[in-house]
Structure formats: structure tokens, C-alpha cells
C-alpha atoms as a PDB file:
ATOM      1  CA  UNK A   1     102.632 111.491  89.910  1.00  0.00           C
ATOM      2  CA  UNK A   2     101.141 113.984  87.462  1.00  0.00           C
ATOM      3  CA  UNK A   3     103.693 116.866  89.037  1.00  0.00           C
ATOM      4  CA  UNK A   4     106.460 115.681  86.674  1.00  0.00           C
ATOM      5  CA  UNK A   5     104.606 114.876  83.547  1.00  0.00           C
ATOM      6  CA  UNK A   6     105.395 117.509  80.815  1.00  0.00           C
ATOM      7  CA  UNK A   7     102.628 118.191  78.411  1.00  0.00           C
ATOM      8  CA  UNK A   8     104.573 120.323  76.226  1.00  0.00           C
ATOM      9  CA  UNK A   9     107.768 122.417  76.687  1.00  0.00           C
ATOM     10  CA  UNK A  10     107.515 124.244  79.929  1.00  0.00           C
ATOM     11  CA  UNK A  11     104.044 122.927  80.978  1.00  0.00           C
ATOM     12  CA  UNK A  12     105.211 120.884  83.861  1.00  0.00           C
ATOM     13  CA  UNK A  13     104.732 121.469  87.631  1.00  0.00           C
ATOM     14  CA  UNK A  14     108.245 120.111  88.813  1.00  0.00           C
ATOM     15  CA  UNK A  15     110.621 119.377  85.797  1.00  0.00           C
ATOM     16  CA  UNK A  16     113.044 117.379  87.876  1.00  0.00           C
ATOM     17  CA  UNK A  17     115.965 115.263  86.672  1.00  0.00           C
ATOM     18  CA  UNK A  18     114.636 111.903  88.095  1.00  0.00           C
ATOM     19  CA  UNK A  19     111.248 112.418  86.909  1.00  0.00           C
ATOM     20  CA  UNK A  20     110.663 108.969  85.506  1.00  0.00           C
ATOM     21  CA  UNK A  21     112.043 107.330  88.829  1.00  0.00           C
ATOM     22  CA  UNK A  22     109.514 109.576  90.788  1.00  0.00           C
ATOM     23  CA  UNK A  23     106.557 108.348  88.627  1.00  0.00           C
ATOM     24  CA  UNK A  24     107.504 104.673  89.092  1.00  0.00           C
ATOM     25  CA  UNK A  25     108.124 105.278  92.762  1.00  0.00           C
ATOM     26  CA  UNK A  26     104.650 106.652  93.099  1.00  0.00           C
ATOM     27  CA  UNK A  27     102.687 104.262  90.919  1.00  0.00           C
ATOM     28  CA  UNK A  28     104.297 101.091  92.660  1.00  0.00           C
ATOM     29  CA  UNK A  29     102.556 102.309  96.120  1.00  0.00           C
ATOM     30  CA  UNK A  30      99.214 101.247  94.568  1.00  0.00           C
ATOM     31  CA  UNK A  31      99.850  97.672  95.393  1.00  0.00           C
ATOM     32  CA  UNK A  32      99.499  98.809  99.224  1.00  0.00           C
ATOM     33  CA  UNK A  33      96.058 100.197  98.753  1.00  0.00           C
ATOM     34  CA  UNK A  34      94.823  96.973  97.197  1.00  0.00           C
ATOM     35  CA  UNK A  35      96.280  94.609  99.961  1.00  0.00           C
ATOM     36  CA  UNK A  36      94.901  96.650 102.667  1.00  0.00           C
ATOM     37  CA  UNK A  37      91.367  96.907 100.851  1.00  0.00           C
ATOM     38  CA  UNK A  38      91.434  93.066 100.813  1.00  0.00           C
ATOM     39  CA  UNK A  39      92.845  92.667 104.118  1.00  0.00           C
ATOM     40  CA  UNK A  40      90.176  95.065 105.831  1.00  0.00           C
ATOM     41  CA  UNK A  41      87.207  93.581 104.186  1.00  0.00           C
ATOM     42  CA  UNK A  42      87.621  90.362 106.405  1.00  0.00           C
ATOM     43  CA  UNK A  43      86.567  88.260 103.645  1.00  0.00           C
ATOM     44  CA  UNK A  44      88.699  85.257 102.179  1.00  0.00           C
ATOM     45  CA  UNK A  45      87.534  86.231  98.488  1.00  0.00           C
ATOM     46  CA  UNK A  46      88.739  89.978  98.948  1.00  0.00           C
ATOM     47  CA  UNK A  47      91.931  88.851 100.365  1.00  0.00           C
ATOM     48  CA  UNK A  48      92.602  86.355  97.645  1.00  0.00           C
ATOM     49  CA  UNK A  49      91.800  88.806  95.129  1.00  0.00           C
ATOM     50  CA  UNK A  50      94.234  91.434  96.872  1.00  0.00           C
ATOM     51  CA  UNK A  51      96.990  88.735  97.025  1.00  0.00           C
ATOM     52  CA  UNK A  52      96.527  87.923  93.261  1.00  0.00           C
ATOM     53  CA  UNK A  53      96.709  91.558  92.424  1.00  0.00           C
ATOM     54  CA  UNK A  54      99.756  92.391  94.371  1.00  0.00           C
ATOM     55  CA  UNK A  55     101.789  89.259  92.917  1.00  0.00           C
ATOM     56  CA  UNK A  56     100.569  90.304  89.467  1.00  0.00           C
ATOM     57  CA  UNK A  57     101.345  94.022  89.636  1.00  0.00           C
ATOM     58  CA  UNK A  58     104.934  93.244  91.374  1.00  0.00           C
ATOM     59  CA  UNK A  59     105.807  90.488  88.519  1.00  0.00           C
ATOM     60  CA  UNK A  60     104.799  92.900  85.374  1.00  0.00           C
ATOM     61  CA  UNK A  61     106.687  95.933  87.133  1.00  0.00           C
ATOM     62  CA  UNK A  62     109.867  94.140  86.695  1.00  0.00           C
ATOM     63  CA  UNK A  63     109.418  93.738  83.008  1.00  0.00           C
ATOM     64  CA  UNK A  64     108.076  97.273  82.551  1.00  0.00           C
ATOM     65  CA  UNK A  65     111.213  98.398  84.813  1.00  0.00           C
ATOM     66  CA  UNK A  66     113.648  96.651  82.261  1.00  0.00           C
ATOM     67  CA  UNK A  67     111.830  98.039  79.446  1.00  0.00           C
ATOM     68  CA  UNK A  68     112.139 101.646  80.655  1.00  0.00           C
ATOM     69  CA  UNK A  69     115.771 101.298  81.222  1.00  0.00           C
ATOM     70  CA  UNK A  70     116.132 100.400  77.618  1.00  0.00           C
ATOM     71  CA  UNK A  71     114.584 103.716  77.030  1.00  0.00           C
ATOM     72  CA  UNK A  72     116.761 105.461  79.410  1.00  0.00           C
ATOM     73  CA  UNK A  73     119.792 104.260  77.742  1.00  0.00           C
ATOM     74  CA  UNK A  74     118.721 105.149  74.323  1.00  0.00           C
ATOM     75  CA  UNK A  75     117.637 108.736  75.482  1.00  0.00           C
ATOM     76  CA  UNK A  76     120.479 109.125  77.877  1.00  0.00           C
ATOM     77  CA  UNK A  77     118.424 110.690  80.618  1.00  0.00           C
ATOM     78  CA  UNK A  78     115.803 110.126  83.246  1.00  0.00           C
ATOM     79  CA  UNK A  79     113.975 113.469  82.745  1.00  0.00           C
ATOM     80  CA  UNK A  80     110.957 113.126  80.943  1.00  0.00           C
ATOM     81  CA  UNK A  81     111.207 116.451  79.105  1.00  0.00           C
ATOM     82  CA  UNK A  82     114.755 115.203  77.788  1.00  0.00           C
ATOM     83  CA  UNK A  83     113.443 111.931  76.821  1.00  0.00           C
ATOM     84  CA  UNK A  84     110.885 113.462  74.648  1.00  0.00           C
ATOM     85  CA  UNK A  85     113.391 115.879  73.131  1.00  0.00           C
ATOM     86  CA  UNK A  86     115.785 112.633  72.271  1.00  0.00           C
ATOM     87  CA  UNK A  87     112.781 111.473  69.831  1.00  0.00           C
ATOM     88  CA  UNK A  88     112.730 114.668  67.954  1.00  0.00           C
ATOM     89  CA  UNK A  89     113.508 114.839  63.927  1.00  0.00           C
ATOM     90  CA  UNK A  90     110.891 112.535  62.648  1.00  0.00           C
ATOM     91  CA  UNK A  91     108.524 109.704  63.515  1.00  0.00           C
ATOM     92  CA  UNK A  92     111.330 107.166  62.757  1.00  0.00           C
ATOM     93  CA  UNK A  93     112.993 108.532  65.879  1.00  0.00           C
ATOM     94  CA  UNK A  94     110.228 107.623  68.071  1.00  0.00           C
ATOM     95  CA  UNK A  95     111.538 104.806  70.404  1.00  0.00           C
ATOM     96  CA  UNK A  96     108.343 102.815  69.648  1.00  0.00           C
ATOM     97  CA  UNK A  97     109.955 101.862  66.244  1.00  0.00           C
ATOM     98  CA  UNK A  98     113.558 100.826  66.799  1.00  0.00           C
ATOM     99  CA  UNK A  99     112.470  99.427  70.239  1.00  0.00           C
ATOM    100  CA  UNK A 100     109.241  97.816  68.974  1.00  0.00           C
ATOM    101  CA  UNK A 101     109.667  94.531  70.811  1.00  0.00           C
ATOM    102  CA  UNK A 102     110.349  96.592  74.032  1.00  0.00           C
ATOM    103  CA  UNK A 103     107.106  98.688  73.328  1.00  0.00           C
ATOM    104  CA  UNK A 104     105.008  95.920  72.828  1.00  0.00           C
ATOM    105  CA  UNK A 105     106.081  94.043  75.991  1.00  0.00           C
ATOM    106  CA  UNK A 106     105.898  97.266  77.773  1.00  0.00           C
ATOM    107  CA  UNK A 107     102.279  97.985  76.759  1.00  0.00           C
ATOM    108  CA  UNK A 108     101.193  94.553  77.525  1.00  0.00           C
ATOM    109  CA  UNK A 109     102.921  94.772  81.049  1.00  0.00           C
ATOM    110  CA  UNK A 110     101.015  98.072  81.555  1.00  0.00           C
ATOM    111  CA  UNK A 111      97.680  96.302  80.823  1.00  0.00           C
ATOM    112  CA  UNK A 112      98.620  93.557  83.225  1.00  0.00           C
ATOM    113  CA  UNK A 113      99.629  96.183  86.076  1.00  0.00           C
ATOM    114  CA  UNK A 114      96.498  98.036  85.787  1.00  0.00           C
ATOM    115  CA  UNK A 115      94.413  94.844  86.292  1.00  0.00           C
ATOM    116  CA  UNK A 116      92.518  95.427  83.079  1.00  0.00           C
ATOM    117  CA  UNK A 117      91.253  92.527  80.864  1.00  0.00           C
ATOM    118  CA  UNK A 118      92.263  90.005  79.828  1.00  0.00           C
ATOM    119  CA  UNK A 119      94.627  90.089  82.870  1.00  0.00           C
ATOM    120  CA  UNK A 120      91.694  91.148  85.379  1.00  0.00           C
ATOM    121  CA  UNK A 121      92.087  87.702  87.379  1.00  0.00           C
ATOM    122  CA  UNK A 122      92.040  89.813  90.652  1.00  0.00           C
ATOM    123  CA  UNK A 123      88.287  90.499  89.589  1.00  0.00           C
ATOM    124  CA  UNK A 124      87.610  87.206  88.358  1.00  0.00           C
ATOM    125  CA  UNK A 125      83.799  86.813  88.869  1.00  0.00           C
ATOM    126  CA  UNK A 126      83.549  83.201  88.113  1.00  0.00           C
ATOM    127  CA  UNK A 127      86.197  82.395  90.664  1.00  0.00           C
ATOM    128  CA  UNK A 128      86.452  84.968  93.521  1.00  0.00           C
ATOM    129  CA  UNK A 129      83.155  86.775  93.092  1.00  0.00           C
ATOM    130  CA  UNK A 130      84.597  90.376  92.264  1.00  0.00           C
ATOM    131  CA  UNK A 131      88.150  90.541  93.778  1.00  0.00           C
ATOM    132  CA  UNK A 132      89.431  92.739  96.509  1.00  0.00           C
ATOM    133  CA  UNK A 133      86.532  95.272  96.386  1.00  0.00           C
ATOM    134  CA  UNK A 134      83.632  92.570  96.777  1.00  0.00           C
ATOM    135  CA  UNK A 135      82.705  94.021 100.171  1.00  0.00           C
ATOM    136  CA  UNK A 136      82.646  97.575  99.158  1.00  0.00           C
ATOM    137  CA  UNK A 137      79.703  99.514  97.917  1.00  0.00           C
ATOM    138  CA  UNK A 138      78.382 103.375  97.059  1.00  0.00           C
ATOM    139  CA  UNK A 139      81.474 105.819  96.963  1.00  0.00           C
ATOM    140  CA  UNK A 140      83.855 103.451  98.217  1.00  0.00           C
ATOM    141  CA  UNK A 141      83.465 101.149  95.313  1.00  0.00           C
ATOM    142  CA  UNK A 142      83.519 104.336  92.980  1.00  0.00           C
ATOM    143  CA  UNK A 143      86.755 105.266  94.379  1.00  0.00           C
ATOM    144  CA  UNK A 144      88.307 101.862  93.443  1.00  0.00           C
ATOM    145  CA  UNK A 145      87.358 102.465  89.684  1.00  0.00           C
ATOM    146  CA  UNK A 146      88.356 106.002  89.746  1.00  0.00           C
ATOM    147  CA  UNK A 147      91.647 104.883  90.760  1.00  0.00           C
ATOM    148  CA  UNK A 148      91.923 102.264  88.246  1.00  0.00           C
ATOM    149  CA  UNK A 149      91.187 104.674  85.426  1.00  0.00           C
ATOM    150  CA  UNK A 150      93.167 107.357  86.699  1.00  0.00           C
ATOM    151  CA  UNK A 151      96.125 104.617  86.681  1.00  0.00           C
ATOM    152  CA  UNK A 152      95.111 103.854  83.207  1.00  0.00           C
ATOM    153  CA  UNK A 153      95.302 107.370  81.832  1.00  0.00           C
ATOM    154  CA  UNK A 154      98.643 107.953  83.732  1.00  0.00           C
ATOM    155  CA  UNK A 155     100.236 104.834  82.068  1.00  0.00           C
ATOM    156  CA  UNK A 156      98.726 105.860  78.458  1.00  0.00           C
ATOM    157  CA  UNK A 157     100.512 109.375  79.342  1.00  0.00           C
ATOM    158  CA  UNK A 158     103.640 107.722  80.180  1.00  0.00           C
ATOM    159  CA  UNK A 159     103.692 105.358  77.122  1.00  0.00           C
ATOM    160  CA  UNK A 160     103.099 108.484  74.871  1.00  0.00           C
ATOM    161  CA  UNK A 161     106.144 110.307  76.657  1.00  0.00           C
ATOM    162  CA  UNK A 162     108.664 107.312  76.166  1.00  0.00           C
ATOM    163  CA  UNK A 163     107.834 105.707  73.171  1.00  0.00           C
ATOM    164  CA  UNK A 164     105.530 107.825  70.908  1.00  0.00           C
ATOM    165  CA  UNK A 165     107.169 111.129  71.019  1.00  0.00           C
ATOM    166  CA  UNK A 166     105.105 113.026  73.587  1.00  0.00           C
ATOM    167  CA  UNK A 167     103.955 116.097  72.281  1.00  0.00           C
ATOM    168  CA  UNK A 168     106.094 116.012  68.999  1.00  0.00           C
ATOM    169  CA  UNK A 169     104.253 116.325  65.842  1.00  0.00           C
ATOM    170  CA  UNK A 170     103.998 113.087  63.982  1.00  0.00           C
ATOM    171  CA  UNK A 171     104.502 115.221  60.509  1.00  0.00           C
ATOM    172  CA  UNK A 172     107.844 116.301  61.853  1.00  0.00           C
ATOM    173  CA  UNK A 173     110.571 116.190  59.276  1.00  0.00           C
ATOM    174  CA  UNK A 174     108.030 116.115  56.387  1.00  0.00           C
ATOM    175  CA  UNK A 175     108.309 119.464  54.604  1.00  0.00           C
ATOM    176  CA  UNK A 176     104.843 120.105  53.354  1.00  0.00           C
ATOM    177  CA  UNK A 177     102.906 118.595  56.083  1.00  0.00           C
ATOM    178  CA  UNK A 178     105.220 119.911  58.834  1.00  0.00           C
ATOM    179  CA  UNK A 179     104.162 123.480  57.693  1.00  0.00           C
ATOM    180  CA  UNK A 180     100.642 122.518  57.510  1.00  0.00           C
ATOM    181  CA  UNK A 181     100.292 121.398  60.887  1.00  0.00           C
ATOM    182  CA  UNK A 182     102.668 123.657  62.673  1.00  0.00           C
ATOM    183  CA  UNK A 183      99.823 125.543  64.292  1.00  0.00           C
ATOM    184  CA  UNK A 184      98.703 122.701  66.156  1.00  0.00           C
ATOM    185  CA  UNK A 185      99.921 123.099  69.995  1.00  0.00           C
ATOM    186  CA  UNK A 186     102.035 119.876  71.370  1.00  0.00           C
ATOM    187  CA  UNK A 187      99.418 119.225  74.045  1.00  0.00           C
ATOM    188  CA  UNK A 188      97.177 118.298  71.301  1.00  0.00           C
ATOM    189  CA  UNK A 189      99.375 115.867  69.822  1.00  0.00           C
ATOM    190  CA  UNK A 190     100.007 114.323  73.161  1.00  0.00           C
ATOM    191  CA  UNK A 191      96.303 114.295  73.964  1.00  0.00           C
ATOM    192  CA  UNK A 192      95.617 112.421  70.558  1.00  0.00           C
ATOM    193  CA  UNK A 193      98.284 109.823  71.433  1.00  0.00           C
ATOM    194  CA  UNK A 194      96.827 109.158  74.969  1.00  0.00           C
ATOM    195  CA  UNK A 195      93.382 108.766  73.528  1.00  0.00           C
ATOM    196  CA  UNK A 196      94.950 106.024  71.109  1.00  0.00           C
ATOM    197  CA  UNK A 197      96.556 104.291  73.916  1.00  0.00           C
ATOM    198  CA  UNK A 198      93.413 104.394  76.214  1.00  0.00           C
ATOM    199  CA  UNK A 199      91.686 103.116  72.919  1.00  0.00           C
ATOM    200  CA  UNK A 200      93.877 100.045  72.938  1.00  0.00           C
ATOM    201  CA  UNK A 201      93.237  99.311  76.608  1.00  0.00           C
ATOM    202  CA  UNK A 202      89.488  99.086  75.942  1.00  0.00           C
ATOM    203  CA  UNK A 203      89.904  97.211  72.766  1.00  0.00           C
ATOM    204  CA  UNK A 204      91.737  94.690  74.537  1.00  0.00           C
ATOM    205  CA  UNK A 205      89.126  94.526  77.238  1.00  0.00           C
ATOM    206  CA  UNK A 206      86.306  93.620  74.508  1.00  0.00           C
ATOM    207  CA  UNK A 207      88.455  91.114  72.185  1.00  0.00           C
ATOM    208  CA  UNK A 208      90.346  88.926  74.520  1.00  0.00           C
ATOM    209  CA  UNK A 209      89.111  86.174  76.999  1.00  0.00           C
ATOM    210  CA  UNK A 210      90.502  86.200  80.443  1.00  0.00           C
ATOM    211  CA  UNK A 211      93.742  84.276  81.137  1.00  0.00           C
ATOM    212  CA  UNK A 212      94.252  81.945  83.782  1.00  0.00           C
ATOM    213  CA  UNK A 213      96.486  83.053  86.650  1.00  0.00           C
ATOM    214  CA  UNK A 214      99.106  80.558  86.160  1.00  0.00           C
ATOM    215  CA  UNK A 215      99.393  81.680  82.582  1.00  0.00           C
ATOM    216  CA  UNK A 216      99.643  85.313  83.554  1.00  0.00           C
ATOM    217  CA  UNK A 217     102.599  84.584  86.134  1.00  0.00           C
ATOM    218  CA  UNK A 218     104.284  82.237  83.508  1.00  0.00           C
ATOM    219  CA  UNK A 219     104.084  84.886  80.875  1.00  0.00           C
ATOM    220  CA  UNK A 220     105.470  87.396  83.075  1.00  0.00           C
ATOM    221  CA  UNK A 221     108.435  85.513  84.531  1.00  0.00           C
ATOM    222  CA  UNK A 222     109.292  83.067  81.807  1.00  0.00           C
ATOM    223  CA  UNK A 223     108.652  85.324  78.639  1.00  0.00           C
ATOM    224  CA  UNK A 224     108.659  89.000  79.352  1.00  0.00           C
ATOM    225  CA  UNK A 225     111.459  89.398  81.811  1.00  0.00           C
ATOM    226  CA  UNK A 226     113.772  87.274  79.836  1.00  0.00           C
ATOM    227  CA  UNK A 227     113.149  89.249  76.474  1.00  0.00           C
ATOM    228  CA  UNK A 228     113.480  92.471  78.144  1.00  0.00           C
ATOM    229  CA  UNK A 229     116.798  91.377  79.785  1.00  0.00           C
ATOM    230  CA  UNK A 230     118.275  90.540  76.336  1.00  0.00           C
ATOM    231  CA  UNK A 231     117.024  93.679  74.781  1.00  0.00           C
ATOM    232  CA  UNK A 232     118.478  95.476  77.401  1.00  0.00           C
ATOM    233  CA  UNK A 233     121.802  94.154  77.003  1.00  0.00           C
ATOM    234  CA  UNK A 234     121.480  94.635  73.112  1.00  0.00           C
ATOM    235  CA  UNK A 235     120.411  98.304  73.473  1.00  0.00           C
ATOM    236  CA  UNK A 236     123.247  98.969  75.854  1.00  0.00           C
ATOM    237  CA  UNK A 237     125.936  97.477  73.532  1.00  0.00           C
ATOM    238  CA  UNK A 238     124.235  99.348  70.407  1.00  0.00           C
ATOM    239  CA  UNK A 239     124.460 102.585  72.222  1.00  0.00           C
ATOM    240  CA  UNK A 240     128.258 101.971  73.434  1.00  0.00           C
ATOM    241  CA  UNK A 241     129.226 100.860  69.873  1.00  0.00           C
ATOM    242  CA  UNK A 242     127.226 104.016  68.546  1.00  0.00           C
ATOM    243  CA  UNK A 243     125.617 101.636  65.750  1.00  0.00           C
ATOM    244  CA  UNK A 244     122.000 102.834  65.557  1.00  0.00           C
ATOM    245  CA  UNK A 245     121.281 106.095  63.692  1.00  0.00           C
ATOM    246  CA  UNK A 246     118.346 106.973  65.827  1.00  0.00           C
ATOM    247  CA  UNK A 247     120.572 107.286  69.000  1.00  0.00           C
ATOM    248  CA  UNK A 248     122.515 109.950  67.817  1.00  0.00           C
END
């Protein structure tokens, strides 16, 4: 998935036109590893954790997909580089501001998709011991956590590119500050935004209590998905009518 992620102009392995679609296709395959890991453990606790995780990932990927479609409509492209360049001009052009509800829903859905707290019911120690990796130890156990944090960093990078201007400077459009920080390479700005998003992940883990599984499913299907569908229609209508100045 990292092959199509641009770190700054020209710093990408494969700058394909369907870059975002490729990332979503690759990241959605992680659910198969979770199911196989729980099934192969021959433990009902591990299998229950795997089923929980699979249902949760699939549910919140729908909300994430609708949120990203709104960004694609606003940017007019699926290419990740072009999506970032559509946000240049100033911080007001970053999609996180005009699409603030979509940005909030996308980030919360990303936390749920990566099975991070407070949505880590797949690893609920008080209910199902430790989730789908309860029977694993040593390096196999470490690989699961490595994959979880790698997925978290990828989600943070994708969030920075789609909503926070990617490698664009936050001082762009401000005469004095733009010239003062013009020497900073774009990859540094991108790394800073990724760090802020990763901090939010860890902050959520230390702040909020774990939700019940039925609450998580209700939030995804009855709240996030309807809101993203409505916002998708609003963004499409606004772009067709050429109403918002930030899409020009």
C-alpha cells in the first residue's frame, strides 16, 4: 500500500491514477488475516474475537468509503498527488475544514477499523480473554502488534494526505510566515501531521472507556453511515452548482 503514497512531489514509487482505490483494496484484505488467525487457533475465544473484528472492520469501512468519496468529489481525482494539490492555496483549502463532519467521522471510523481503543472489543480482556491472538506468543504475537501499528501509521498518513494538505505548508498563503518557512521540505510537514494523528490515536486509548459491541455496531450503521450518505449528496450538489469557493 505504501507504493502509491506520495511523501512530497516526485517522492512516490508508483504515482498511479487509482492510487486511493489501490490503498483501500489492499488495506481491506487485512480482515482475512484476522479471521484465519482466529480460526487456526482452534479456540472459541479467539474465533469470537476474529468474528467481532471482521464485522467491525467491514462496518466502519463503509463509513470510511463514503467519507473518502466526498473528498474525491471535492478534489475531482482519485490520484493521491492530485488530491493533495487540490488543497493548495491556504489552510482554509484543506478538506478538513469545509468537510469537518466528514473528517471527524472518517477519523473515528479509522480508529474503529484499526481495532484501537475505545473500539478494541475484539481484544476485550474482560469478555474474551485477549481476542483473536490469545493462543499466540513470541514472534507471532509480536507480528500481530506490528501489523496493527503499521496499519495505524498508514491510516494517519492517508488522513494527512486526504484532509490535512499532505506535504503542503500550514503557512501557505501567509506572506511573512510562508517565506520564513519556505526552506522546510514537504516531507517534514507530512511527518508532523502524521505525528499529530498518531498522537490522537494514543490519546483516545488513554482517555475513553471501551464501548460495548452493540454500541459500536449501532454507531457505525445507524449514525455514521446515514450522515456520510447525506454529506455525500450535499458535497455532490455543491460541486455541481459550483457553490463553495474552496473547490475552485
